[in-house]
């Protein structure tokens, strides 16, 4: 089914094509099925996006996200001041936990990783900056999806194997002065090391990092 978001049809349909390709390469038929856009229109938009480097073809001829998006994603991430002011807090969190840490912000019905540091362990969670992931899945997704409700009685949320098999995470909300959630700070790693209840081990550290980010950003 086509989604009307901006009211500019060609733009909404083009974004629908990109969103569909975020799940992986797709044939034209698969793109049509995923977007609900007419076949001829889908093909025209995909080819036009390809001309701009936003879409490419894989060796099997399927449409896939283009490499130009990587550069645009990096530029967008670097333009988010919160990522810069969170650097010290994230570094301290990684040192305290020896696991990978991330900072996510909400973008519509998705969450985007605006900062990430990898664990020093060989077996680790890797979430690249600019990665766009669904809301409501994984601890950070649920923190951002819950908005004002996620950090009341429970200051952090945890998940195990929810977004990706074998990976556990614990996340805490970063709030502004009005209590609204503006970001989610997370620790993630393999379940075999973090256990299925990572909050017991890392919850307090993640909350401290969230408060540190709030102070650094002048949100508190």
Protein backbone atom coordinates (compact mmCIF):
# COMPACT_ATOMS: atom_id res chain seq x y z
CA UNK A 1 0.00 0.00 0.00
CA UNK A 2 1.31 3.44 -0.93
CA UNK A 3 1.97 5.78 1.98
CA UNK A 4 1.16 9.49 1.70
CA UNK A 5 3.57 11.35 3.95
CA UNK A 6 4.57 14.70 2.47
CA UNK A 7 1.79 15.11 -0.07
CA UNK A 8 4.40 15.23 -2.85
CA UNK A 9 3.64 11.98 -4.59
CA UNK A 10 6.88 11.42 -6.49
CA UNK A 11 8.92 12.13 -3.36
CA UNK A 12 6.86 9.81 -1.16
CA UNK A 13 7.14 7.04 -3.73
CA UNK A 14 10.88 7.54 -4.14
CA UNK A 15 11.40 7.31 -0.38
CA UNK A 16 9.22 4.19 -0.32
CA UNK A 17 11.60 2.62 -2.84
CA UNK A 18 14.62 3.51 -0.70
CA UNK A 19 12.92 2.23 2.46
CA UNK A 20 12.15 -1.06 0.73
CA UNK A 21 15.78 -1.43 -0.36
CA UNK A 22 16.97 -0.82 3.23
CA UNK A 23 15.96 -4.44 3.88
CA UNK A 24 18.30 -5.66 1.13
CA UNK A 25 18.51 -5.95 -2.66
CA UNK A 26 15.21 -6.52 -4.45
CA UNK A 27 14.11 -7.39 -7.95
CA UNK A 28 11.65 -5.08 -9.67
CA UNK A 29 8.78 -7.43 -8.82
CA UNK A 30 9.84 -7.47 -5.17
CA UNK A 31 10.06 -3.67 -5.12
CA UNK A 32 6.56 -3.39 -6.56
CA UNK A 33 5.23 -5.78 -3.93
CA UNK A 34 7.04 -4.01 -1.08
CA UNK A 35 6.03 -0.47 -2.06
CA UNK A 36 2.58 -0.97 -3.52
CA UNK A 37 3.57 1.41 -6.31
CA UNK A 38 2.67 0.63 -9.92
CA UNK A 39 5.31 -1.42 -11.75
CA UNK A 40 6.06 1.20 -14.42
CA UNK A 41 6.35 3.95 -11.80
CA UNK A 42 8.54 1.82 -9.55
CA UNK A 43 10.90 1.05 -12.43
CA UNK A 44 11.07 4.69 -13.48
CA UNK A 45 11.83 5.88 -9.96
CA UNK A 46 14.42 3.16 -9.29
CA UNK A 47 16.25 3.97 -12.51
CA UNK A 48 16.15 7.70 -11.76
CA UNK A 49 17.51 7.08 -8.25
CA UNK A 50 20.20 4.92 -9.81
CA UNK A 51 21.23 7.83 -12.04
CA UNK A 52 21.77 9.91 -8.89
CA UNK A 53 23.82 7.21 -7.18
CA UNK A 54 21.15 6.60 -4.53
CA UNK A 55 20.38 3.16 -5.98
CA UNK A 56 22.66 0.66 -7.71
CA UNK A 57 22.39 -2.79 -9.28
CA UNK A 58 23.95 -5.83 -7.65
CA UNK A 59 25.68 -8.60 -9.68
CA UNK A 60 22.31 -10.32 -10.08
CA UNK A 61 20.71 -7.20 -11.52
CA UNK A 62 18.61 -6.47 -8.45
CA UNK A 63 18.17 -2.95 -7.16
CA UNK A 64 20.12 -2.06 -3.99
CA UNK A 65 20.95 1.05 -1.99
CA UNK A 66 23.62 3.18 -3.68
CA UNK A 67 26.95 4.17 -2.20
CA UNK A 68 26.10 7.88 -2.37
CA UNK A 69 23.76 7.30 0.56
CA UNK A 70 26.77 6.41 2.72
CA UNK A 71 28.30 9.85 2.17
CA UNK A 72 24.97 11.57 2.75
CA UNK A 73 24.45 9.51 5.90
CA UNK A 74 27.86 10.46 7.28
CA UNK A 75 27.19 14.13 6.56
CA UNK A 76 23.82 13.93 8.32
CA UNK A 77 25.32 12.20 11.34
CA UNK A 78 28.10 14.78 11.59
CA UNK A 79 25.50 17.54 11.51
CA UNK A 80 23.81 16.22 14.67
CA UNK A 81 25.36 18.17 17.59
CA UNK A 82 24.22 15.57 20.11
CA UNK A 83 26.60 13.01 18.62
CA UNK A 84 29.55 15.34 19.20
CA UNK A 85 28.70 16.23 22.79
CA UNK A 86 28.03 12.57 23.59
CA UNK A 87 31.53 11.45 22.60
CA UNK A 88 33.06 11.52 26.09
CA UNK A 89 30.10 9.74 27.69
CA UNK A 90 30.15 7.01 25.05
CA UNK A 91 33.90 6.51 25.41
CA UNK A 92 33.52 6.18 29.19
CA UNK A 93 30.65 3.74 28.73
CA UNK A 94 32.71 1.56 26.41
CA UNK A 95 35.60 1.57 28.88
CA UNK A 96 33.28 0.65 31.74
CA UNK A 97 31.57 -2.22 29.90
CA UNK A 98 34.11 -3.36 27.28
CA UNK A 99 31.14 -3.72 24.91
CA UNK A 100 29.98 -1.81 21.85
CA UNK A 101 28.03 1.37 22.53
CA UNK A 102 25.67 3.38 20.34
CA UNK A 103 23.60 6.55 20.34
CA UNK A 104 20.31 6.53 18.41
CA UNK A 105 17.83 9.26 17.51
CA UNK A 106 14.35 8.84 16.15
CA UNK A 107 13.65 9.66 12.52
CA UNK A 108 10.00 9.10 11.69
CA UNK A 109 9.20 5.44 12.20
CA UNK A 110 12.90 4.47 12.25
CA UNK A 111 15.86 4.96 14.56
CA UNK A 112 19.21 6.13 13.23
CA UNK A 113 22.60 5.43 14.78
CA UNK A 114 24.35 8.81 15.08
CA UNK A 115 27.38 7.59 17.06
CA UNK A 116 28.96 4.19 17.66
CA UNK A 117 32.06 2.76 19.30
CA UNK A 118 33.01 -0.89 18.90
CA UNK A 119 33.97 -3.28 21.67
CA UNK A 120 37.66 -4.23 21.90
CA UNK A 121 36.63 -7.91 21.86
CA UNK A 122 37.04 -9.87 18.65
CA UNK A 123 33.42 -11.06 18.89
CA UNK A 124 31.38 -7.87 19.07
CA UNK A 125 28.30 -6.05 17.92
CA UNK A 126 28.84 -3.71 14.96
CA UNK A 127 26.28 -1.02 14.18
CA UNK A 128 27.62 1.45 11.61
CA UNK A 129 26.95 5.16 11.97
CA UNK A 130 24.01 6.12 9.83
CA UNK A 131 22.37 2.69 10.17
CA UNK A 132 18.59 2.99 10.02
CA UNK A 133 16.76 0.41 12.13
CA UNK A 134 13.10 -0.15 13.04
CA UNK A 135 11.46 1.29 16.12
CA UNK A 136 9.82 -1.02 18.60
CA UNK A 137 12.43 -3.76 18.14
CA UNK A 138 15.50 -3.97 20.36
CA UNK A 139 15.99 -2.02 23.58
CA UNK A 140 16.92 1.28 21.90
CA UNK A 141 14.02 1.02 19.48
CA UNK A 142 11.57 0.49 22.31
CA UNK A 143 13.05 3.36 24.33
CA UNK A 144 12.53 5.73 21.39
CA UNK A 145 9.12 4.30 20.47
CA UNK A 146 7.86 4.63 24.05
CA UNK A 147 8.97 8.28 24.14
CA UNK A 148 7.72 9.76 27.41
CA UNK A 149 6.87 6.42 29.02
CA UNK A 150 10.16 4.52 28.82
CA UNK A 151 12.19 6.04 31.62
CA UNK A 152 9.77 6.40 34.54
CA UNK A 153 9.83 3.58 37.06
CA UNK A 154 12.22 1.62 34.84
CA UNK A 155 15.27 3.75 33.90
CA UNK A 156 16.48 1.33 31.21
CA UNK A 157 15.15 -1.35 28.88
CA UNK A 158 16.88 -4.55 27.78
CA UNK A 159 16.46 -7.06 24.97
CA UNK A 160 17.99 -10.37 23.97
CA UNK A 161 17.82 -11.77 20.45
CA UNK A 162 15.00 -9.35 19.65
CA UNK A 163 16.38 -7.45 16.67
CA UNK A 164 19.24 -9.81 15.82
CA UNK A 165 19.75 -13.40 16.95
CA UNK A 166 22.54 -13.83 19.47
CA UNK A 167 22.72 -10.13 20.39
CA UNK A 168 21.60 -8.54 23.67
CA UNK A 169 21.39 -4.87 24.54
CA UNK A 170 20.38 -2.45 27.26
CA UNK A 171 19.39 1.16 26.56
CA UNK A 172 18.46 4.28 28.50
CA UNK A 173 16.66 7.40 27.31
CA UNK A 174 18.34 10.77 26.91
CA UNK A 175 15.73 13.40 27.81
CA UNK A 176 15.31 17.13 27.41
CA UNK A 177 14.14 19.54 30.12
CA UNK A 178 10.51 18.67 29.43
CA UNK A 179 11.15 14.96 29.86
CA UNK A 180 10.79 14.11 26.18
CA UNK A 181 13.11 11.41 24.84
CA UNK A 182 15.57 12.89 22.34
CA UNK A 183 17.92 9.90 22.01
CA UNK A 184 18.72 6.44 23.33
CA UNK A 185 22.17 5.37 24.52
CA UNK A 186 22.91 1.65 24.31
CA UNK A 187 25.35 -1.10 25.18
CA UNK A 188 25.17 -4.20 23.00
CA UNK A 189 27.09 -7.43 22.62
CA UNK A 190 26.84 -11.18 22.10
CA UNK A 191 24.45 -12.92 24.47
CA UNK A 192 27.10 -15.44 25.45
CA UNK A 193 29.03 -12.62 27.09
CA UNK A 194 26.35 -10.11 28.10
CA UNK A 195 23.83 -12.83 29.15
CA UNK A 196 20.12 -12.62 28.35
CA UNK A 197 19.69 -10.02 31.08
CA UNK A 198 22.29 -7.37 30.20
CA UNK A 199 20.51 -4.76 32.29
CA UNK A 200 21.67 -6.44 35.49
CA UNK A 201 25.29 -5.92 34.44
CA UNK A 202 25.18 -2.71 32.39
CA UNK A 203 21.94 -0.91 33.27
CA UNK A 204 23.42 1.49 35.83
CA UNK A 205 26.35 2.38 33.54
CA UNK A 206 24.00 3.13 30.63
CA UNK A 207 21.84 5.37 32.80
CA UNK A 208 24.91 7.25 34.02
CA UNK A 209 25.99 7.76 30.40
CA UNK A 210 22.54 9.09 29.50
CA UNK A 211 22.65 11.61 32.35
CA UNK A 212 26.18 12.64 31.34
CA UNK A 213 25.02 13.26 27.76
CA UNK A 214 22.08 15.33 29.02
CA UNK A 215 24.44 17.53 31.06
CA UNK A 216 26.94 17.88 28.23
CA UNK A 217 24.17 18.87 25.80
CA UNK A 218 22.60 21.32 28.26
CA UNK A 219 19.38 19.31 28.32
CA UNK A 220 19.21 19.21 32.12
